[in-house]
């Protein structure tokens, strides 16, 4: 079918899609948010009582998600603010199980993996697809954000498990996850891996990838890091995120259905 013939039917879906075009910019910002969320969460819980910090982050997250849900279509500033807050709160939720309730990282990783699997099962059973290109209804968007939250919590627990429990350290974990995220890209491009499976595989891995390097840069030398400080890492990554989102705001390369988007 000619492109012009397919265009009219595809335009309405693109016009109401609630997520950005999946481009290289999407993945760069996603990794930045994971590192920023890790550093910000650690900074806050070391400066304020953890329950208070988690409660404050939870309130901001809920407010941001309500705005995101109420917005009629994708709006990059609202969307990425929601992702940032999921990153911060998701980190606190995962760390809270270990620090406050003394749940081993292996157990919390297994718990969040099962939680993610259940959400995927319910989403697919209800909607018949896990494609983010189908996020055009309120129910699908709720499934999407529940999945995002679960992937952040799983990635946080899994990254800490590899760095601390397995003992390969933050740098070692970062290098390992940097290699692991190449698996779905290669498998999709050259071996016909299902695109939806490849996307969610990579999406989960972005969390421990960014968080491991953020921890390595921010934590003290005594804990295996570079000692730059969690606050400095959080601010630096926030500036990088702001720069990337501003770039997308000016170019429109993240707009769903954009012809200028560099698809991957």
Protein backbone atom coordinates (compact mmCIF):
# COMPACT_ATOMS: atom_id res chain seq x y z
CA UNK A 1 0.00 0.00 0.00
CA UNK A 2 1.39 3.45 -0.86
CA UNK A 3 2.48 5.58 2.07
CA UNK A 4 0.01 8.28 1.12
CA UNK A 5 -2.84 5.79 1.33
CA UNK A 6 -1.84 4.62 4.78
CA UNK A 7 -1.24 8.10 6.13
CA UNK A 8 -4.81 9.22 6.92
CA UNK A 9 -5.56 6.18 9.10
CA UNK A 10 -2.30 6.50 11.01
CA UNK A 11 -2.58 10.19 11.77
CA UNK A 12 -5.38 10.01 14.38
CA UNK A 13 -3.49 7.41 16.44
CA UNK A 14 -0.30 9.48 16.32
CA UNK A 15 -2.22 12.58 17.30
CA UNK A 16 -3.44 11.04 20.58
CA UNK A 17 -0.45 8.84 21.41
CA UNK A 18 0.70 9.48 24.99
CA UNK A 19 4.35 8.44 24.62
CA UNK A 20 7.22 9.86 22.53
CA UNK A 21 8.68 8.54 19.31
CA UNK A 22 11.26 5.88 20.14
CA UNK A 23 14.54 7.30 18.88
CA UNK A 24 18.14 7.37 19.99
CA UNK A 25 17.25 10.53 21.94
CA UNK A 26 14.64 8.58 23.90
CA UNK A 27 17.23 6.02 25.02
CA UNK A 28 19.83 8.62 25.93
CA UNK A 29 17.38 10.56 28.10
CA UNK A 30 16.04 7.35 29.61
CA UNK A 31 19.52 6.30 30.77
CA UNK A 32 20.19 9.80 32.11
CA UNK A 33 16.96 9.71 34.14
CA UNK A 34 17.92 6.39 35.71
CA UNK A 35 21.25 7.75 36.91
CA UNK A 36 19.68 11.01 38.04
CA UNK A 37 16.96 9.16 39.95
CA UNK A 38 19.49 6.96 41.70
CA UNK A 39 21.70 9.87 42.74
CA UNK A 40 18.79 12.10 43.77
CA UNK A 41 17.15 9.34 45.80
CA UNK A 42 20.39 8.52 47.62
CA UNK A 43 21.07 12.20 48.29
CA UNK A 44 17.61 12.81 49.74
CA UNK A 45 17.48 9.74 52.00
CA UNK A 46 20.92 10.62 53.39
CA UNK A 47 19.87 14.22 54.12
CA UNK A 48 16.34 13.65 55.42
CA UNK A 49 14.51 10.86 57.25
CA UNK A 50 13.89 8.19 54.57
CA UNK A 51 10.12 7.89 55.25
CA UNK A 52 9.74 11.67 54.89
CA UNK A 53 11.79 11.74 51.67
CA UNK A 54 9.81 8.82 50.21
CA UNK A 55 6.48 10.41 51.16
CA UNK A 56 7.44 13.74 49.56
CA UNK A 57 8.66 12.01 46.38
CA UNK A 58 5.47 9.95 46.29
CA UNK A 59 3.28 13.04 46.49
CA UNK A 60 5.15 14.75 43.64
CA UNK A 61 5.01 11.54 41.59
CA UNK A 62 1.25 11.19 42.02
CA UNK A 63 0.70 14.85 41.12
CA UNK A 64 2.87 14.52 38.03
CA UNK A 65 1.16 11.32 36.88
CA UNK A 66 -2.26 12.94 37.33
CA UNK A 67 -1.18 15.76 35.01
CA UNK A 68 0.26 13.23 32.55
CA UNK A 69 -2.97 11.21 32.56
CA UNK A 70 -5.11 14.32 32.16
CA UNK A 71 -3.12 15.67 29.20
CA UNK A 72 -4.90 14.71 25.97
CA UNK A 73 -1.74 13.74 24.06
CA UNK A 74 2.01 13.42 24.45
CA UNK A 75 3.64 16.51 25.99
CA UNK A 76 7.38 16.07 26.40
CA UNK A 77 7.90 18.21 29.54
CA UNK A 78 5.11 16.46 31.43
CA UNK A 79 6.12 13.02 30.19
CA UNK A 80 9.79 13.30 31.12
CA UNK A 81 9.03 14.89 34.48
CA UNK A 82 6.86 11.85 35.20
CA UNK A 83 9.70 9.52 34.19
CA UNK A 84 12.13 11.42 36.43
CA UNK A 85 9.77 11.15 39.40
CA UNK A 86 9.18 7.45 38.76
CA UNK A 87 12.96 7.06 38.77
CA UNK A 88 13.37 8.85 42.10
CA UNK A 89 10.45 7.17 43.85
CA UNK A 90 11.10 3.77 42.26
CA UNK A 91 14.63 3.87 43.65
CA UNK A 92 13.34 4.70 47.11
CA UNK A 93 10.80 1.89 46.95
CA UNK A 94 13.39 -0.68 45.94
CA UNK A 95 16.01 0.52 48.40
CA UNK A 96 13.42 0.72 51.17
CA UNK A 97 12.77 -3.01 51.02
CA UNK A 98 16.46 -3.66 51.64
CA UNK A 99 17.43 -0.85 53.99
CA UNK A 100 14.29 -0.47 56.08
CA UNK A 101 12.86 -4.01 55.96
CA UNK A 102 16.18 -5.84 55.51
CA UNK A 103 14.94 -7.81 52.50
CA UNK A 104 17.95 -9.31 50.61
CA UNK A 105 18.57 -7.90 47.14
CA UNK A 106 18.07 -11.37 45.65
CA UNK A 107 14.59 -11.57 47.19
CA UNK A 108 13.59 -8.00 46.21
CA UNK A 109 14.84 -8.57 42.67
CA UNK A 110 12.75 -11.74 42.42
CA UNK A 111 9.72 -9.93 43.88
CA UNK A 112 9.88 -7.08 41.39
CA UNK A 113 10.53 -9.49 38.50
CA UNK A 114 7.37 -11.41 39.39
CA UNK A 115 5.46 -8.13 39.79
CA UNK A 116 6.57 -7.01 36.33
CA UNK A 117 5.60 -10.37 34.82
CA UNK A 118 2.13 -10.12 36.38
CA UNK A 119 1.64 -6.59 35.03
CA UNK A 120 2.72 -7.72 31.55
CA UNK A 121 0.34 -10.69 31.72
CA UNK A 122 -2.60 -8.55 32.81
CA UNK A 123 -1.81 -5.89 30.20
CA UNK A 124 -1.59 -8.39 27.36
CA UNK A 125 -4.64 -10.34 28.54
CA UNK A 126 -6.69 -7.15 28.71
CA UNK A 127 -5.44 -5.26 25.65
CA UNK A 128 -3.95 -7.96 23.44
CA UNK A 129 -0.67 -6.07 22.97
CA UNK A 130 2.26 -4.67 24.93
CA UNK A 131 3.26 -2.21 22.23
CA UNK A 132 3.86 1.33 23.44
CA UNK A 133 2.67 2.51 20.03
CA UNK A 134 -0.82 1.54 21.18
CA UNK A 135 -0.87 3.87 24.24
CA UNK A 136 -3.94 5.81 23.12
CA UNK A 137 -6.43 5.02 25.90
CA UNK A 138 -6.51 5.71 29.65
CA UNK A 139 -6.42 2.02 30.57
CA UNK A 140 -3.41 1.30 28.37
CA UNK A 141 -1.63 4.31 29.78
CA UNK A 142 -2.24 3.06 33.32
CA UNK A 143 -0.76 -0.31 32.37
CA UNK A 144 2.18 1.52 30.79
CA UNK A 145 3.03 3.56 33.90
CA UNK A 146 2.58 0.55 36.17
CA UNK A 147 5.07 -1.26 33.95
CA UNK A 148 7.49 1.67 34.01
CA UNK A 149 7.36 1.78 37.81
CA UNK A 150 7.99 -1.97 38.05
CA UNK A 151 10.94 -1.80 35.63
CA UNK A 152 12.57 0.96 37.66
CA UNK A 153 12.16 -0.96 40.93
CA UNK A 154 13.39 -4.19 39.32
CA UNK A 155 16.37 -2.47 37.73
CA UNK A 156 17.32 -0.80 41.00
CA UNK A 157 17.19 -4.05 42.96
CA UNK A 158 18.93 -6.01 40.21
CA UNK A 159 21.72 -3.47 39.84
CA UNK A 160 22.36 -3.41 43.59
CA UNK A 161 22.27 -7.19 43.68
CA UNK A 162 25.02 -7.43 41.05
CA UNK A 163 27.13 -4.64 42.55
CA UNK A 164 26.79 -5.56 46.22
CA UNK A 165 25.57 -9.15 46.64
CA UNK A 166 27.43 -10.67 43.70
CA UNK A 167 30.27 -8.27 44.47
CA UNK A 168 31.36 -7.01 41.06
CA UNK A 169 31.12 -3.39 42.20
CA UNK A 170 29.34 -0.42 40.67
CA UNK A 171 31.74 -0.02 37.75
CA UNK A 172 31.69 -3.73 37.01
CA UNK A 173 27.90 -3.74 37.11
CA UNK A 174 27.74 -0.72 34.80
CA UNK A 175 30.03 -2.36 32.26
CA UNK A 176 28.05 -5.59 32.46
CA UNK A 177 24.72 -3.85 31.85
CA UNK A 178 26.25 -1.76 29.05
CA UNK A 179 27.05 -5.03 27.30
CA UNK A 180 23.69 -6.54 28.17
CA UNK A 181 21.70 -3.68 26.63
CA UNK A 182 23.36 -4.42 23.29
CA UNK A 183 21.75 -7.89 23.24
CA UNK A 184 18.20 -6.82 22.30
CA UNK A 185 19.50 -4.30 19.76
CA UNK A 186 21.62 -6.90 17.99
CA UNK A 187 18.98 -9.61 18.30
CA UNK A 188 16.29 -7.30 16.87
CA UNK A 189 18.37 -5.90 14.02
CA UNK A 190 20.07 -9.06 12.84
CA UNK A 191 18.19 -12.07 14.20
CA UNK A 192 14.54 -11.05 13.99
CA UNK A 193 13.82 -10.67 17.69
CA UNK A 194 10.28 -9.49 18.37
CA UNK A 195 10.38 -5.68 18.49
CA UNK A 196 8.12 -5.40 21.55
CA UNK A 197 10.19 -7.95 23.49
CA UNK A 198 13.40 -6.19 22.44
CA UNK A 199 12.05 -2.83 23.57
CA UNK A 200 11.04 -3.99 27.05
CA UNK A 201 14.25 -6.00 27.45
CA UNK A 202 16.27 -2.85 26.77
CA UNK A 203 13.94 -0.71 28.87
CA UNK A 204 14.51 -2.84 31.96
CA UNK A 205 18.29 -2.83 31.47
CA UNK A 206 18.51 0.96 31.18
CA UNK A 207 17.70 1.27 34.86
CA UNK A 208 20.67 -0.66 36.35
CA UNK A 209 22.91 0.68 33.57
CA UNK A 210 22.42 4.35 34.46
CA UNK A 211 22.13 3.73 38.20
CA UNK A 212 25.35 1.69 38.39
CA UNK A 213 27.43 4.39 36.74
CA UNK A 214 25.74 7.10 38.85
CA UNK A 215 26.58 5.16 42.02
CA UNK A 216 30.15 4.62 40.82
CA UNK A 217 30.59 8.34 40.25
CA UNK A 218 28.82 9.51 43.40
CA UNK A 219 29.51 7.15 46.29
CA UNK A 220 32.61 7.52 48.49
CA UNK A 221 35.87 5.71 47.73
CA UNK A 222 35.23 3.47 50.72
CA UNK A 223 32.16 2.08 48.97
CA UNK A 224 33.89 1.57 45.66
CA UNK A 225 32.99 4.86 43.99
CA UNK A 226 34.78 7.90 42.63
CA UNK A 227 33.59 10.10 45.51
CA UNK A 228 32.25 13.05 43.51
CA UNK A 229 29.17 13.17 45.72
CA UNK A 230 25.59 12.15 45.06
CA UNK A 231 24.41 15.76 45.00
CA UNK A 232 26.86 16.78 42.28
CA UNK A 233 26.00 13.72 40.18
CA UNK A 234 22.27 14.42 40.56
CA UNK A 235 22.66 18.06 39.50
CA UNK A 236 24.96 17.23 36.58
CA UNK A 237 22.58 14.60 35.21
CA UNK A 238 19.60 16.94 35.72
CA UNK A 239 21.34 19.57 33.58
CA UNK A 240 22.03 16.96 30.88
CA UNK A 241 18.38 15.86 30.91
CA UNK A 242 17.19 19.46 30.70
CA UNK A 243 19.50 20.08 27.73
CA UNK A 244 18.27 16.98 25.88
CA UNK A 245 14.59 17.71 26.50
CA UNK A 246 15.09 21.32 25.41
CA UNK A 247 16.70 20.06 22.21
CA UNK A 248 13.67 17.86 21.52
CA UNK A 249 11.33 20.74 22.29
CA UNK A 250 13.10 22.84 19.66
CA UNK A 251 13.41 20.13 17.01
CA UNK A 252 10.26 18.07 17.54
CA UNK A 253 12.14 14.85 16.90
CA UNK A 254 10.27 13.07 19.67
CA UNK A 255 6.79 13.90 18.37
CA UNK A 256 4.81 10.72 17.61
CA UNK A 257 4.67 10.15 13.88
CA UNK A 258 7.29 12.81 13.18
CA UNK A 259 9.01 12.34 9.84
CA UNK A 260 12.19 13.83 11.30
CA UNK A 261 12.42 11.16 14.01
CA UNK A 262 15.51 8.95 13.78
CA UNK A 263 13.81 5.65 14.44
CA UNK A 264 15.67 2.71 15.96
